[in-house]
Amino acid sequence: MKTLIEVHREGKFYVAIDLLTHVADQGLTEEEAVHNLKKGLTEHLQLKRALISQKE
C-alpha cells in the first residue's frame, strides 16, 4: 500500500502522520517515527478489516 506521510519534529520527538488515514506515531528519530507509523497503520488496517468482517 502506498500512502502520503508527513514527518515533523515536536520537542525531542519526531512525529509521522499518514495524511490519508490521520494515523500518527512518534519516535526519537525520523526513521523510528516512520517505523512506528508503519506498525500503527498495519494494526489500524487489521482492525478495520475485522470490523468489516463482523458486519457481514
PDB file of N, CA and C in Angstrom:
ATOM      1  N   MET A   1       0.841  -1.173   0.000  1.00  0.00           N
ATOM      2  CA  MET A   1       0.000   0.000   0.000  1.00  0.00           C
ATOM      3  C   MET A   1       0.892   1.245   0.000  1.00  0.00           C
ATOM      4  N   LYS A   2       0.540   2.176  -0.833  1.00  0.00           N
ATOM      5  CA  LYS A   2       1.253   3.445  -0.850  1.00  0.00           C
ATOM      6  C   LYS A   2       0.393   4.487  -0.161  1.00  0.00           C
ATOM      7  N   THR A   3       1.066   5.419   0.502  1.00  0.00           N
ATOM      8  CA  THR A   3       0.354   6.476   1.194  1.00  0.00           C
ATOM      9  C   THR A   3       1.234   7.721   1.208  1.00  0.00           C
ATOM     10  N   LEU A   4       0.728   8.770   1.757  1.00  0.00           N
ATOM     11  CA  LEU A   4       1.450  10.032   1.849  1.00  0.00           C
ATOM     12  C   LEU A   4       1.625  10.350   3.330  1.00  0.00           C
ATOM     13  N   ILE A   5       2.883  10.528   3.761  1.00  0.00           N
ATOM     14  CA  ILE A   5       3.109  10.829   5.167  1.00  0.00           C
ATOM     15  C   ILE A   5       3.845  12.158   5.320  1.00  0.00           C
ATOM     16  N   GLU A   6       3.689  12.712   6.494  1.00  0.00           N
ATOM     17  CA  GLU A   6       4.391  13.942   6.871  1.00  0.00           C
ATOM     18  C   GLU A   6       5.159  13.635   8.147  1.00  0.00           C
ATOM     19  N   VAL A   7       6.396  14.096   8.217  1.00  0.00           N
ATOM     20  CA  VAL A   7       7.199  13.913   9.433  1.00  0.00           C
ATOM     21  C   VAL A   7       7.666  15.288   9.877  1.00  0.00           C
ATOM     22  N   HIS A   8       7.421  15.595  11.148  1.00  0.00           N
ATOM     23  CA  HIS A   8       7.909  16.859  11.689  1.00  0.00           C
ATOM     24  C   HIS A   8       8.377  16.636  13.121  1.00  0.00           C
ATOM     25  N   ARG A   9       9.080  17.609  13.638  1.00  0.00           N
ATOM     26  CA  ARG A   9       9.643  17.495  14.980  1.00  0.00           C
ATOM     27  C   ARG A   9       8.785  18.273  15.969  1.00  0.00           C
ATOM     28  N   GLU A  10       8.538  17.649  17.122  1.00  0.00           N
ATOM     29  CA  GLU A  10       7.846  18.294  18.241  1.00  0.00           C
ATOM     30  C   GLU A  10       8.694  18.050  19.479  1.00  0.00           C
ATOM     31  N   GLY A  11       9.424  19.062  19.900  1.00  0.00           N
ATOM     32  CA  GLY A  11      10.322  18.895  21.041  1.00  0.00           C
ATOM     33  C   GLY A  11      11.414  17.911  20.706  1.00  0.00           C
ATOM     34  N   LYS A  12      11.582  16.884  21.549  1.00  0.00           N
ATOM     35  CA  LYS A  12      12.637  15.904  21.288  1.00  0.00           C
ATOM     36  C   LYS A  12      12.156  14.734  20.435  1.00  0.00           C
ATOM     37  N   PHE A  13      10.890  14.728  20.026  1.00  0.00           N
ATOM     38  CA  PHE A  13      10.331  13.635  19.245  1.00  0.00           C
ATOM     39  C   PHE A  13      10.056  14.046  17.807  1.00  0.00           C
ATOM     40  N   TYR A  14      10.128  13.061  16.916  1.00  0.00           N
ATOM     41  CA  TYR A  14       9.664  13.217  15.547  1.00  0.00           C
ATOM     42  C   TYR A  14       8.285  12.569  15.467  1.00  0.00           C
ATOM     43  N   VAL A  15       7.377  13.214  14.773  1.00  0.00           N
ATOM     44  CA  VAL A  15       6.019  12.712  14.621  1.00  0.00           C
ATOM     45  C   VAL A  15       5.780  12.420  13.145  1.00  0.00           C
ATOM     46  N   ALA A  16       5.319  11.202  12.856  1.00  0.00           N
ATOM     47  CA  ALA A  16       4.981  10.800  11.494  1.00  0.00           C
ATOM     48  C   ALA A  16       3.470  10.640  11.420  1.00  0.00           C
ATOM     49  N   ILE A  17       2.858  11.277  10.429  1.00  0.00           N
ATOM     50  CA  ILE A  17       1.405  11.256  10.271  1.00  0.00           C
ATOM     51  C   ILE A  17       1.067  10.760   8.870  1.00  0.00           C
ATOM     52  N   ASP A  18       0.179   9.774   8.787  1.00  0.00           N
ATOM     53  CA  ASP A  18      -0.342   9.337   7.496  1.00  0.00           C
ATOM     54  C   ASP A  18      -1.459  10.302   7.128  1.00  0.00           C
ATOM     55  N   LEU A  19      -1.292  11.021   6.045  1.00  0.00           N
ATOM     56  CA  LEU A  19      -2.230  12.073   5.676  1.00  0.00           C
ATOM     57  C   LEU A  19      -3.546  11.532   5.114  1.00  0.00           C
ATOM     58  N   LEU A  20      -3.597  10.249   4.774  1.00  0.00           N
ATOM     59  CA  LEU A  20      -4.844   9.669   4.268  1.00  0.00           C
ATOM     60  C   LEU A  20      -5.740   9.154   5.381  1.00  0.00           C
ATOM     61  N   THR A  21      -5.136   8.543   6.406  1.00  0.00           N
ATOM     62  CA  THR A  21      -5.925   7.957   7.493  1.00  0.00           C
ATOM     63  C   THR A  21      -5.853   8.772   8.783  1.00  0.00           C
ATOM     64  N   HIS A  22      -4.917   9.683   8.850  1.00  0.00           N
ATOM     65  CA  HIS A  22      -4.658  10.503  10.046  1.00  0.00           C
ATOM     66  C   HIS A  22      -4.128   9.684  11.222  1.00  0.00           C
ATOM     67  N   VAL A  23      -3.602   8.494  10.931  1.00  0.00           N
ATOM     68  CA  VAL A  23      -2.910   7.701  11.948  1.00  0.00           C
ATOM     69  C   VAL A  23      -1.541   8.345  12.161  1.00  0.00           C
ATOM     70  N   ALA A  24      -1.118   8.457  13.410  1.00  0.00           N
ATOM     71  CA  ALA A  24       0.156   9.104  13.719  1.00  0.00           C
ATOM     72  C   ALA A  24       0.927   8.275  14.746  1.00  0.00           C
ATOM     73  N   ASP A  25       2.242   8.440  14.722  1.00  0.00           N
ATOM     74  CA  ASP A  25       3.101   7.808  15.722  1.00  0.00           C
ATOM     75  C   ASP A  25       4.350   8.654  15.863  1.00  0.00           C
ATOM     76  N   GLN A  26       5.169   8.334  16.846  1.00  0.00           N
ATOM     77  CA  GLN A  26       6.342   9.160  17.124  1.00  0.00           C
ATOM     78  C   GLN A  26       7.562   8.299  17.393  1.00  0.00           C
ATOM     79  N   GLY A  27       8.719   8.951  17.399  1.00  0.00           N
ATOM     80  CA  GLY A  27       9.974   8.282  17.711  1.00  0.00           C
ATOM     81  C   GLY A  27      11.046   9.311  17.980  1.00  0.00           C
ATOM     82  N   LEU A  28      12.176   8.860  18.486  1.00  0.00           N
ATOM     83  CA  LEU A  28      13.280   9.769  18.780  1.00  0.00           C
ATOM     84  C   LEU A  28      14.043  10.171  17.522  1.00  0.00           C
ATOM     85  N   THR A  29      13.872   9.397  16.430  1.00  0.00           N
ATOM     86  CA  THR A  29      14.466   9.737  15.136  1.00  0.00           C
ATOM     87  C   THR A  29      13.364   9.688  14.083  1.00  0.00           C
ATOM     88  N   GLU A  30      13.626  10.274  12.918  1.00  0.00           N
ATOM     89  CA  GLU A  30      12.650  10.208  11.828  1.00  0.00           C
ATOM     90  C   GLU A  30      12.396   8.753  11.439  1.00  0.00           C
ATOM     91  N   GLU A  31      13.463   7.967  11.365  1.00  0.00           N
ATOM     92  CA  GLU A  31      13.339   6.567  10.975  1.00  0.00           C
ATOM     93  C   GLU A  31      12.475   5.790  11.966  1.00  0.00           C
ATOM     94  N   GLU A  32      12.682   6.035  13.255  1.00  0.00           N
ATOM     95  CA  GLU A  32      11.891   5.348  14.278  1.00  0.00           C
ATOM     96  C   GLU A  32      10.427   5.765  14.190  1.00  0.00           C
ATOM     97  N   ALA A  33      10.167   7.028  13.951  1.00  0.00           N
ATOM     98  CA  ALA A  33       8.789   7.509  13.827  1.00  0.00           C
ATOM     99  C   ALA A  33       8.085   6.846  12.643  1.00  0.00           C
ATOM    100  N   VAL A  34       8.777   6.745  11.507  1.00  0.00           N
ATOM    101  CA  VAL A  34       8.192   6.110  10.322  1.00  0.00           C
ATOM    102  C   VAL A  34       7.988   4.616  10.568  1.00  0.00           C
ATOM    103  N   HIS A  35       8.952   3.965  11.197  1.00  0.00           N
ATOM    104  CA  HIS A  35       8.821   2.536  11.527  1.00  0.00           C
ATOM    105  C   HIS A  35       7.610   2.318  12.435  1.00  0.00           C
ATOM    106  N   ASN A  36       7.468   3.135  13.465  1.00  0.00           N
ATOM    107  CA  ASN A  36       6.333   3.016  14.379  1.00  0.00           C
ATOM    108  C   ASN A  36       5.018   3.297  13.661  1.00  0.00           C
ATOM    109  N   LEU A  37       5.025   4.245  12.735  1.00  0.00           N
ATOM    110  CA  LEU A  37       3.818   4.553  11.965  1.00  0.00           C
ATOM    111  C   LEU A  37       3.416   3.356  11.107  1.00  0.00           C
ATOM    112  N   LYS A  38       4.388   2.693  10.493  1.00  0.00           N
ATOM    113  CA  LYS A  38       4.078   1.509   9.686  1.00  0.00           C
ATOM    114  C   LYS A  38       3.392   0.442  10.529  1.00  0.00           C
ATOM    115  N   LYS A  39       3.907   0.221  11.747  1.00  0.00           N
ATOM    116  CA  LYS A  39       3.277  -0.753  12.646  1.00  0.00           C
ATOM    117  C   LYS A  39       1.863  -0.308  13.003  1.00  0.00           C
ATOM    118  N   GLY A  40       1.708   0.979  13.296  1.00  0.00           N
ATOM    119  CA  GLY A  40       0.388   1.508  13.645  1.00  0.00           C
ATOM    120  C   GLY A  40      -0.600   1.403  12.494  1.00  0.00           C
ATOM    121  N   LEU A  41      -0.145   1.660  11.271  1.00  0.00           N
ATOM    122  CA  LEU A  41      -1.026   1.538  10.107  1.00  0.00           C
ATOM    123  C   LEU A  41      -1.447   0.091   9.881  1.00  0.00           C
ATOM    124  N   THR A  42      -0.514  -0.836  10.087  1.00  0.00           N
ATOM    125  CA  THR A  42      -0.845  -2.258   9.946  1.00  0.00           C
ATOM    126  C   THR A  42      -1.931  -2.639  10.942  1.00  0.00           C
ATOM    127  N   GLU A  43      -1.792  -2.230  12.183  1.00  0.00           N
ATOM    128  CA  GLU A  43      -2.794  -2.533  13.207  1.00  0.00           C
ATOM    129  C   GLU A  43      -4.120  -1.853  12.887  1.00  0.00           C
ATOM    130  N   HIS A  44      -4.069  -0.628  12.407  1.00  0.00           N
ATOM    131  CA  HIS A  44      -5.274   0.121  12.037  1.00  0.00           C
ATOM    132  C   HIS A  44      -6.038  -0.618  10.931  1.00  0.00           C
ATOM    133  N   LEU A  45      -5.319  -1.065   9.904  1.00  0.00           N
ATOM    134  CA  LEU A  45      -5.969  -1.760   8.797  1.00  0.00           C
ATOM    135  C   LEU A  45      -6.505  -3.122   9.214  1.00  0.00           C
ATOM    136  N   GLN A  46      -5.787  -3.831  10.097  1.00  0.00           N
ATOM    137  CA  GLN A  46      -6.274  -5.117  10.592  1.00  0.00           C
ATOM    138  C   GLN A  46      -7.578  -4.928  11.376  1.00  0.00           C
ATOM    139  N   LEU A  47      -7.643  -3.895  12.181  1.00  0.00           N
ATOM    140  CA  LEU A  47      -8.852  -3.610  12.949  1.00  0.00           C
ATOM    141  C   LEU A  47     -10.011  -3.267  12.019  1.00  0.00           C
ATOM    142  N   LYS A  48      -9.764  -2.461  10.992  1.00  0.00           N
ATOM    143  CA  LYS A  48     -10.817  -2.121  10.038  1.00  0.00           C
ATOM    144  C   LYS A  48     -11.344  -3.367   9.336  1.00  0.00           C
ATOM    145  N   ARG A  49     -10.416  -4.256   8.928  1.00  0.00           N
ATOM    146  CA  ARG A  49     -10.842  -5.497   8.270  1.00  0.00           C
ATOM    147  C   ARG A  49     -11.696  -6.352   9.209  1.00  0.00           C
ATOM    148  N   ALA A  50     -11.295  -6.437  10.474  1.00  0.00           N
ATOM    149  CA  ALA A  50     -12.059  -7.226  11.445  1.00  0.00           C
ATOM    150  C   ALA A  50     -13.450  -6.646  11.651  1.00  0.00           C
ATOM    151  N   LEU A  51     -13.537  -5.334  11.708  1.00  0.00           N
ATOM    152  CA  LEU A  51     -14.845  -4.701  11.896  1.00  0.00           C
ATOM    153  C   LEU A  51     -15.750  -4.915  10.685  1.00  0.00           C
ATOM    154  N   ILE A  52     -15.167  -4.858   9.492  1.00  0.00           N
ATOM    155  CA  ILE A  52     -15.943  -5.094   8.275  1.00  0.00           C
ATOM    156  C   ILE A  52     -16.428  -6.541   8.237  1.00  0.00           C
ATOM    157  N   SER A  53     -15.577  -7.469   8.650  1.00  0.00           N
ATOM    158  CA  SER A  53     -15.962  -8.887   8.671  1.00  0.00           C
ATOM    159  C   SER A  53     -17.106  -9.134   9.645  1.00  0.00           C
ATOM    160  N   GLN A  54     -17.130  -8.434  10.758  1.00  0.00           N
ATOM    161  CA  GLN A  54     -18.193  -8.590  11.745  1.00  0.00           C
ATOM    162  C   GLN A  54     -19.535  -8.133  11.197  1.00  0.00           C
ATOM    163  N   LYS A  55     -19.525  -7.130  10.331  1.00  0.00           N
ATOM    164  CA  LYS A  55     -20.776  -6.599   9.764  1.00  0.00           C
ATOM    165  C   LYS A  55     -21.386  -7.547   8.741  1.00  0.00           C
ATOM    166  N   GLU A  56     -20.567  -8.402   8.134  1.00  0.00           N
ATOM    167  CA  GLU A  56     -21.055  -9.292   7.072  1.00  0.00           C
ATOM    168  C   GLU A  56     -21.781 -10.476   7.609  1.00  0.00           C
TER     169      GLU A  56
END
